[in-house]
C-alpha atoms as a PDB file:
ATOM      1  CA  UNK A   1      -0.011  -0.134  -0.069  1.00  0.00           C
ATOM      2  CA  UNK A   2       1.294   3.441  -0.912  1.00  0.00           C
ATOM      3  CA  UNK A   3       0.714   7.043  -1.442  1.00  0.00           C
ATOM      4  CA  UNK A   4       2.135   9.323  -4.126  1.00  0.00           C
ATOM      5  CA  UNK A   5       2.169  13.085  -5.314  1.00  0.00           C
ATOM      6  CA  UNK A   6       1.042  14.550  -8.524  1.00  0.00           C
ATOM      7  CA  UNK A   7       4.166  13.506 -10.348  1.00  0.00           C
ATOM      8  CA  UNK A   8       3.592   9.787  -9.769  1.00  0.00           C
ATOM      9  CA  UNK A   9       6.155   9.550  -7.261  1.00  0.00           C
ATOM     10  CA  UNK A  10       5.518   7.744  -3.998  1.00  0.00           C
ATOM     11  CA  UNK A  11       5.483   9.578  -0.789  1.00  0.00           C
ATOM     12  CA  UNK A  12       4.941   6.772   1.527  1.00  0.00           C
ATOM     13  CA  UNK A  13       4.686   2.925   1.418  1.00  0.00           C
ATOM     14  CA  UNK A  14       3.817   0.206   3.433  1.00  0.00           C
ATOM     15  CA  UNK A  15       5.330  -3.274   2.513  1.00  0.00           C
ATOM     16  CA  UNK A  16       5.286  -6.770   3.940  1.00  0.00           C
ATOM     17  CA  UNK A  17       1.718  -7.593   4.770  1.00  0.00           C
ATOM     18  CA  UNK A  18       0.910 -11.204   4.831  1.00  0.00           C
ATOM     19  CA  UNK A  19      -0.804 -12.802   1.957  1.00  0.00           C
ATOM     20  CA  UNK A  20      -3.475 -14.169   4.164  1.00  0.00           C
ATOM     21  CA  UNK A  21      -4.281 -10.665   6.129  1.00  0.00           C
ATOM     22  CA  UNK A  22      -7.693  -9.544   4.955  1.00  0.00           C
ATOM     23  CA  UNK A  23      -7.363  -6.528   2.613  1.00  0.00           C
ATOM     24  CA  UNK A  24      -8.952  -4.202   5.036  1.00  0.00           C
ATOM     25  CA  UNK A  25      -6.351  -4.979   7.762  1.00  0.00           C
ATOM     26  CA  UNK A  26      -3.525  -3.911   5.625  1.00  0.00           C
ATOM     27  CA  UNK A  27      -4.534  -0.539   5.902  1.00  0.00           C
ATOM     28  CA  UNK A  28      -5.442  -0.427   9.626  1.00  0.00           C
ATOM     29  CA  UNK A  29      -2.456  -2.305  10.688  1.00  0.00           C
ATOM     30  CA  UNK A  30       0.190  -0.374   8.837  1.00  0.00           C
ATOM     31  CA  UNK A  31       2.402   2.308  10.603  1.00  0.00           C
ATOM     32  CA  UNK A  32       1.018   4.813   7.663  1.00  0.00           C
ATOM     33  CA  UNK A  33      -2.767   3.701   8.287  1.00  0.00           C
ATOM     34  CA  UNK A  34      -2.307   3.972  12.287  1.00  0.00           C
ATOM     35  CA  UNK A  35      -0.754   7.218  11.935  1.00  0.00           C
ATOM     36  CA  UNK A  36      -3.451   8.775   9.502  1.00  0.00           C
ATOM     37  CA  UNK A  37      -6.415   7.079  11.756  1.00  0.00           C
ATOM     38  CA  UNK A  38      -4.709   8.444  14.879  1.00  0.00           C
ATOM     39  CA  UNK A  39      -4.262  12.125  13.450  1.00  0.00           C
ATOM     40  CA  UNK A  40      -0.194  11.872  13.657  1.00  0.00           C
ATOM     41  CA  UNK A  41       0.821  12.144  10.323  1.00  0.00           C
ATOM     42  CA  UNK A  42       2.735  15.285   9.809  1.00  0.00           C
ATOM     43  CA  UNK A  43       0.388  16.720   7.243  1.00  0.00           C
ATOM     44  CA  UNK A  44       0.499  20.728   6.235  1.00  0.00           C
ATOM     45  CA  UNK A  45      -1.755  22.808   8.773  1.00  0.00           C
ATOM     46  CA  UNK A  46      -5.238  23.691   7.655  1.00  0.00           C
ATOM     47  CA  UNK A  47      -5.595  26.413   4.981  1.00  0.00           C
ATOM     48  CA  UNK A  48      -8.468  28.226   3.273  1.00  0.00           C
ATOM     49  CA  UNK A  49      -9.891  26.149   0.325  1.00  0.00           C
ATOM     50  CA  UNK A  50     -10.679  29.342  -1.326  1.00  0.00           C
ATOM     51  CA  UNK A  51      -8.530  32.808  -1.393  1.00  0.00           C
ATOM     52  CA  UNK A  52     -11.629  34.748  -0.091  1.00  0.00           C
ATOM     53  CA  UNK A  53     -12.581  32.336   2.549  1.00  0.00           C
ATOM     54  CA  UNK A  54     -11.730  32.705   6.262  1.00  0.00           C
ATOM     55  CA  UNK A  55     -12.558  29.211   7.050  1.00  0.00           C
ATOM     56  CA  UNK A  56      -9.295  26.851   7.282  1.00  0.00           C
ATOM     57  CA  UNK A  57      -9.777  23.334   5.493  1.00  0.00           C
ATOM     58  CA  UNK A  58      -8.105  20.311   6.203  1.00  0.00           C
ATOM     59  CA  UNK A  59      -5.442  18.519   3.647  1.00  0.00           C
ATOM     60  CA  UNK A  60      -6.707  15.235   2.775  1.00  0.00           C
ATOM     61  CA  UNK A  61      -5.570  11.881   1.041  1.00  0.00           C
ATOM     62  CA  UNK A  62      -7.799  10.613  -1.964  1.00  0.00           C
ATOM     63  CA  UNK A  63      -8.887   6.962  -1.761  1.00  0.00           C
ATOM     64  CA  UNK A  64     -11.189   4.626  -2.937  1.00  0.00           C
ATOM     65  CA  UNK A  65     -14.128   2.792  -1.462  1.00  0.00           C
ATOM     66  CA  UNK A  66     -11.801   0.301   0.392  1.00  0.00           C
ATOM     67  CA  UNK A  67     -10.693   2.975   2.636  1.00  0.00           C
ATOM     68  CA  UNK A  68     -12.451   4.544   5.805  1.00  0.00           C
ATOM     69  CA  UNK A  69     -13.670   8.184   5.603  1.00  0.00           C
ATOM     70  CA  UNK A  70     -11.679  10.243   7.671  1.00  0.00           C
ATOM     71  CA  UNK A  71     -11.224  14.035   8.098  1.00  0.00           C
ATOM     72  CA  UNK A  72      -7.881  13.738   6.187  1.00  0.00           C
ATOM     73  CA  UNK A  73      -9.299  10.849   3.955  1.00  0.00           C
ATOM     74  CA  UNK A  74     -11.762  11.151   1.451  1.00  0.00           C
ATOM     75  CA  UNK A  75     -13.481   8.308  -0.041  1.00  0.00           C
ATOM     76  CA  UNK A  76     -16.673   8.302  -2.603  1.00  0.00           C
ATOM     77  CA  UNK A  77     -20.163   8.533  -1.575  1.00  0.00           C
ATOM     78  CA  UNK A  78     -21.883   4.920  -1.407  1.00  0.00           C
ATOM     79  CA  UNK A  79     -24.627   3.900  -3.918  1.00  0.00           C
ATOM     80  CA  UNK A  80     -26.076   4.374  -7.074  1.00  0.00           C
ATOM     81  CA  UNK A  81     -28.372   7.203  -8.515  1.00  0.00           C
ATOM     82  CA  UNK A  82     -26.991   9.776  -6.384  1.00  0.00           C
ATOM     83  CA  UNK A  83     -27.694  13.419  -6.165  1.00  0.00           C
ATOM     84  CA  UNK A  84     -25.894  15.540  -8.788  1.00  0.00           C
ATOM     85  CA  UNK A  85     -23.565  17.151  -6.121  1.00  0.00           C
ATOM     86  CA  UNK A  86     -22.545  13.632  -4.721  1.00  0.00           C
ATOM     87  CA  UNK A  87     -22.443  12.187  -8.143  1.00  0.00           C
ATOM     88  CA  UNK A  88     -19.820  15.096  -9.165  1.00  0.00           C
ATOM     89  CA  UNK A  89     -17.856  14.747  -5.926  1.00  0.00           C
ATOM     90  CA  UNK A  90     -17.365  10.869  -6.903  1.00  0.00           C
ATOM     91  CA  UNK A  91     -16.536  11.814 -10.347  1.00  0.00           C
ATOM     92  CA  UNK A  92     -13.836  14.463  -9.181  1.00  0.00           C
ATOM     93  CA  UNK A  93     -12.494  12.016  -6.727  1.00  0.00           C
ATOM     94  CA  UNK A  94     -12.155   9.280  -9.275  1.00  0.00           C
ATOM     95  CA  UNK A  95     -10.296  11.451 -11.608  1.00  0.00           C
ATOM     96  CA  UNK A  96      -7.773  12.234  -8.900  1.00  0.00           C
ATOM     97  CA  UNK A  97      -7.328   8.449  -7.646  1.00  0.00           C
ATOM     98  CA  UNK A  98      -5.828   7.788 -11.194  1.00  0.00           C
ATOM     99  CA  UNK A  99      -3.119   9.559 -10.344  1.00  0.00           C
ATOM    100  CA  UNK A 100      -2.077   6.448  -7.616  1.00  0.00           C
ATOM    101  CA  UNK A 101      -3.310   3.967  -9.976  1.00  0.00           C
ATOM    102  CA  UNK A 102      -0.920   5.354 -12.771  1.00  0.00           C
ATOM    103  CA  UNK A 103       1.782   5.574 -10.401  1.00  0.00           C
ATOM    104  CA  UNK A 104       1.665   1.723  -9.451  1.00  0.00           C
ATOM    105  CA  UNK A 105       0.912   0.882 -13.221  1.00  0.00           C
ATOM    106  CA  UNK A 106       4.151   2.729 -14.189  1.00  0.00           C
ATOM    107  CA  UNK A 107       6.072   0.893 -11.266  1.00  0.00           C
ATOM    108  CA  UNK A 108       4.961  -2.451 -12.179  1.00  0.00           C
ATOM    109  CA  UNK A 109       5.243  -1.693 -16.023  1.00  0.00           C
ATOM    110  CA  UNK A 110       8.658  -1.070 -15.614  1.00  0.00           C
ATOM    111  CA  UNK A 111      10.072  -3.218 -12.650  1.00  0.00           C
ATOM    112  CA  UNK A 112       8.822  -6.549 -14.099  1.00  0.00           C
ATOM    113  CA  UNK A 113       9.813  -8.568 -10.817  1.00  0.00           C
ATOM    114  CA  UNK A 114       7.066  -7.053  -9.322  1.00  0.00           C
ATOM    115  CA  UNK A 115       4.512  -8.835 -11.618  1.00  0.00           C
ATOM    116  CA  UNK A 116       4.942 -12.123 -10.081  1.00  0.00           C
ATOM    117  CA  UNK A 117       5.749 -13.707  -6.992  1.00  0.00           C
ATOM    118  CA  UNK A 118       9.126 -12.952  -5.512  1.00  0.00           C
ATOM    119  CA  UNK A 119      10.482 -16.338  -4.472  1.00  0.00           C
ATOM    120  CA  UNK A 120      12.944 -15.116  -1.732  1.00  0.00           C
ATOM    121  CA  UNK A 121      12.604 -14.822   1.827  1.00  0.00           C
ATOM    122  CA  UNK A 122      10.224 -12.074   3.336  1.00  0.00           C
ATOM    123  CA  UNK A 123      12.724  -9.764   4.175  1.00  0.00           C
ATOM    124  CA  UNK A 124      14.751  -9.944   0.883  1.00  0.00           C
ATOM    125  CA  UNK A 125      11.198  -9.184  -0.734  1.00  0.00           C
ATOM    126  CA  UNK A 126      10.599  -6.049   1.087  1.00  0.00           C
ATOM    127  CA  UNK A 127      14.022  -4.967   0.147  1.00  0.00           C
ATOM    128  CA  UNK A 128      13.308  -5.508  -3.649  1.00  0.00           C
ATOM    129  CA  UNK A 129      10.070  -3.817  -3.509  1.00  0.00           C
ATOM    130  CA  UNK A 130      11.485  -0.769  -1.285  1.00  0.00           C
ATOM    131  CA  UNK A 131      14.513  -0.855  -4.118  1.00  0.00           C
ATOM    132  CA  UNK A 132      12.035  -0.663  -6.963  1.00  0.00           C
ATOM    133  CA  UNK A 133      10.281   2.061  -5.284  1.00  0.00           C
ATOM    134  CA  UNK A 134      13.049   4.205  -4.685  1.00  0.00           C
ATOM    135  CA  UNK A 135      14.593   3.727  -8.245  1.00  0.00           C
ATOM    136  CA  UNK A 136      11.221   4.444  -9.584  1.00  0.00           C
ATOM    137  CA  UNK A 137      11.213   7.636  -7.624  1.00  0.00           C
ATOM    138  CA  UNK A 138      14.755   8.781  -8.737  1.00  0.00           C
ATOM    139  CA  UNK A 139      14.334   7.927 -12.422  1.00  0.00           C
ATOM    140  CA  UNK A 140      10.746   9.804 -12.290  1.00  0.00           C
ATOM    141  CA  UNK A 141      12.455  12.881 -10.948  1.00  0.00           C
ATOM    142  CA  UNK A 142      15.508  12.785 -13.028  1.00  0.00           C
ATOM    143  CA  UNK A 143      14.628  11.569 -16.105  1.00  0.00           C
ATOM    144  CA  UNK A 144      14.574  14.841 -18.170  1.00  0.00           C
ATOM    145  CA  UNK A 145      14.298  12.945 -21.559  1.00  0.00           C
ATOM    146  CA  UNK A 146      11.290  11.198 -20.545  1.00  0.00           C
ATOM    147  CA  UNK A 147      12.261   7.741 -21.687  1.00  0.00           C
ATOM    148  CA  UNK A 148      10.997   5.695 -18.450  1.00  0.00           C
ATOM    149  CA  UNK A 149       7.829   7.514 -18.365  1.00  0.00           C
ATOM    150  CA  UNK A 150       6.731   9.189 -21.871  1.00  0.00           C
ATOM    151  CA  UNK A 151       3.585  11.143 -22.102  1.00  0.00           C
ATOM    152  CA  UNK A 152       1.720   8.452 -23.669  1.00  0.00           C
ATOM    153  CA  UNK A 153       2.518   5.681 -21.038  1.00  0.00           C
ATOM    154  CA  UNK A 154       0.136   7.348 -18.423  1.00  0.00           C
ATOM    155  CA  UNK A 155      -3.522   8.353 -18.711  1.00  0.00           C
ATOM    156  CA  UNK A 156      -4.002  11.709 -20.373  1.00  0.00           C
ATOM    157  CA  UNK A 157      -7.120  13.944 -21.075  1.00  0.00           C
ATOM    158  CA  UNK A 158      -8.457  14.032 -24.556  1.00  0.00           C
ATOM    159  CA  UNK A 159      -9.770  17.147 -26.264  1.00  0.00           C
ATOM    160  CA  UNK A 160     -13.410  16.347 -25.089  1.00  0.00           C
ATOM    161  CA  UNK A 161     -12.220  15.990 -21.487  1.00  0.00           C
ATOM    162  CA  UNK A 162     -12.268  11.989 -21.639  1.00  0.00           C
ATOM    163  CA  UNK A 163      -9.591   9.586 -20.840  1.00  0.00           C
ATOM    164  CA  UNK A 164      -7.044   8.419 -23.093  1.00  0.00           C
ATOM    165  CA  UNK A 165      -5.531   5.219 -21.216  1.00  0.00           C
ATOM    166  CA  UNK A 166      -1.663   5.245 -20.833  1.00  0.00           C
ATOM    167  CA  UNK A 167       0.248   2.521 -22.425  1.00  0.00           C
ATOM    168  CA  UNK A 168       1.032   0.808 -19.105  1.00  0.00           C
ATOM    169  CA  UNK A 169      -2.101  -0.507 -19.098  1.00  0.00           C
ATOM    170  CA  UNK A 170      -2.064  -2.683 -22.319  1.00  0.00           C
ATOM    171  CA  UNK A 171       1.647  -3.719 -20.951  1.00  0.00           C
ATOM    172  CA  UNK A 172       0.397  -5.150 -17.906  1.00  0.00           C
ATOM    173  CA  UNK A 173      -2.711  -6.690 -19.646  1.00  0.00           C
ATOM    174  CA  UNK A 174      -0.634  -8.520 -22.117  1.00  0.00           C
ATOM    175  CA  UNK A 175       1.163 -10.586 -19.467  1.00  0.00           C
ATOM    176  CA  UNK A 176      -1.928 -11.026 -17.301  1.00  0.00           C
ATOM    177  CA  UNK A 177      -0.726  -8.514 -14.667  1.00  0.00           C
ATOM    178  CA  UNK A 178      -3.693  -6.210 -14.292  1.00  0.00           C
ATOM    179  CA  UNK A 179      -3.656  -4.310 -10.935  1.00  0.00           C
ATOM    180  CA  UNK A 180      -6.487  -5.517  -8.462  1.00  0.00           C
ATOM    181  CA  UNK A 181      -8.634  -3.227  -5.854  1.00  0.00           C
ATOM    182  CA  UNK A 182      -8.783  -4.330  -2.500  1.00  0.00           C
ATOM    183  CA  UNK A 183     -11.876  -4.915  -0.508  1.00  0.00           C
ATOM    184  CA  UNK A 184     -13.513  -2.536   1.797  1.00  0.00           C
ATOM    185  CA  UNK A 185     -12.334  -1.488   5.214  1.00  0.00           C
ATOM    186  CA  UNK A 186     -15.107  -0.890   7.819  1.00  0.00           C
ATOM    187  CA  UNK A 187     -14.445   1.874  10.355  1.00  0.00           C
ATOM    188  CA  UNK A 188     -16.844   4.364  11.534  1.00  0.00           C
ATOM    189  CA  UNK A 189     -16.667   8.038  10.262  1.00  0.00           C
ATOM    190  CA  UNK A 190     -16.882  10.822  12.529  1.00  0.00           C
ATOM    191  CA  UNK A 191     -19.258  13.698  11.940  1.00  0.00           C
ATOM    192  CA  UNK A 192     -16.500  16.112  10.823  1.00  0.00           C
ATOM    193  CA  UNK A 193     -15.281  13.735   8.314  1.00  0.00           C
ATOM    194  CA  UNK A 194     -19.008  13.572   6.937  1.00  0.00           C
ATOM    195  CA  UNK A 195     -18.893  17.442   6.814  1.00  0.00           C
ATOM    196  CA  UNK A 196     -15.713  17.901   5.139  1.00  0.00           C
ATOM    197  CA  UNK A 197     -17.015  15.397   2.374  1.00  0.00           C
ATOM    198  CA  UNK A 198     -20.201  17.278   2.034  1.00  0.00           C
ATOM    199  CA  UNK A 199     -18.407  20.735   1.967  1.00  0.00           C
ATOM    200  CA  UNK A 200     -16.465  19.422  -1.089  1.00  0.00           C
ATOM    201  CA  UNK A 201     -19.648  17.968  -2.726  1.00  0.00           C
ATOM    202  CA  UNK A 202     -20.858  21.644  -2.737  1.00  0.00           C
ATOM    203  CA  UNK A 203     -17.823  23.259  -3.389  1.00  0.00           C
ATOM    204  CA  UNK A 204     -17.456  21.055  -6.725  1.00  0.00           C
ATOM    205  CA  UNK A 205     -20.763  22.458  -8.033  1.00  0.00           C
ATOM    206  CA  UNK A 206     -19.839  26.033  -7.365  1.00  0.00           C
ATOM    207  CA  UNK A 207     -16.582  27.887  -6.994  1.00  0.00           C
ATOM    208  CA  UNK A 208     -14.716  24.427  -7.600  1.00  0.00           C
ATOM    209  CA  UNK A 209     -16.588  23.659 -10.680  1.00  0.00           C
ATOM    210  CA  UNK A 210     -15.190  22.418 -14.021  1.00  0.00           C
ATOM    211  CA  UNK A 211     -17.014  23.009 -17.161  1.00  0.00           C
ATOM    212  CA  UNK A 212     -17.068  19.276 -18.206  1.00  0.00           C
ATOM    213  CA  UNK A 213     -17.893  17.609 -15.149  1.00  0.00           C
ATOM    214  CA  UNK A 214     -21.808  17.566 -15.936  1.00  0.00           C
ATOM    215  CA  UNK A 215     -21.080  15.535 -19.063  1.00  0.00           C
ATOM    216  CA  UNK A 216     -19.442  12.937 -17.059  1.00  0.00           C
ATOM    217  CA  UNK A 217     -21.751  11.898 -14.569  1.00  0.00           C
END
């Protein structure tokens, strides 16, 4: 499990969970997950979401439905046939989540040892995976010629604001190495977390709206 920034570089990673462990437990038992759930991560301080606003807003991670809703961790609204503001929120969140999906896709496509079972001791496996992450970050930040990750290798926006899927997807599918989602983590959300998500949902249909979102829900 890992997080990343907008440059497809990894900012944190939890490596070494047992294969038989429940998917939800991976997050809750990782150092990163525990720190986030206990509000101990060194996140940037709250800041106004709008320049003209006097209300400070928390920084947050973007996640899918497998993760719990927290003040600093936004997940989609559940259900189908959602109201307009909630459907748009889910769409905007989904677009943002493509960054981490592409980060894992680039990593797995380029470092092929990650496509299969690594037949070494658990300690060595952790070292191999961590080394791949570090090398990935190094190349992403220093490859000015973009041979490692050319523009066509990741998802890009089309002229009509659709998504042109990156070449890494075809590369992984050709060897049966497509990425898999994890199952849901059940954990009660706080009232503050619900209010943060609802505020964002309203923001995305007002000051934070983009012209093409109505055509995507």
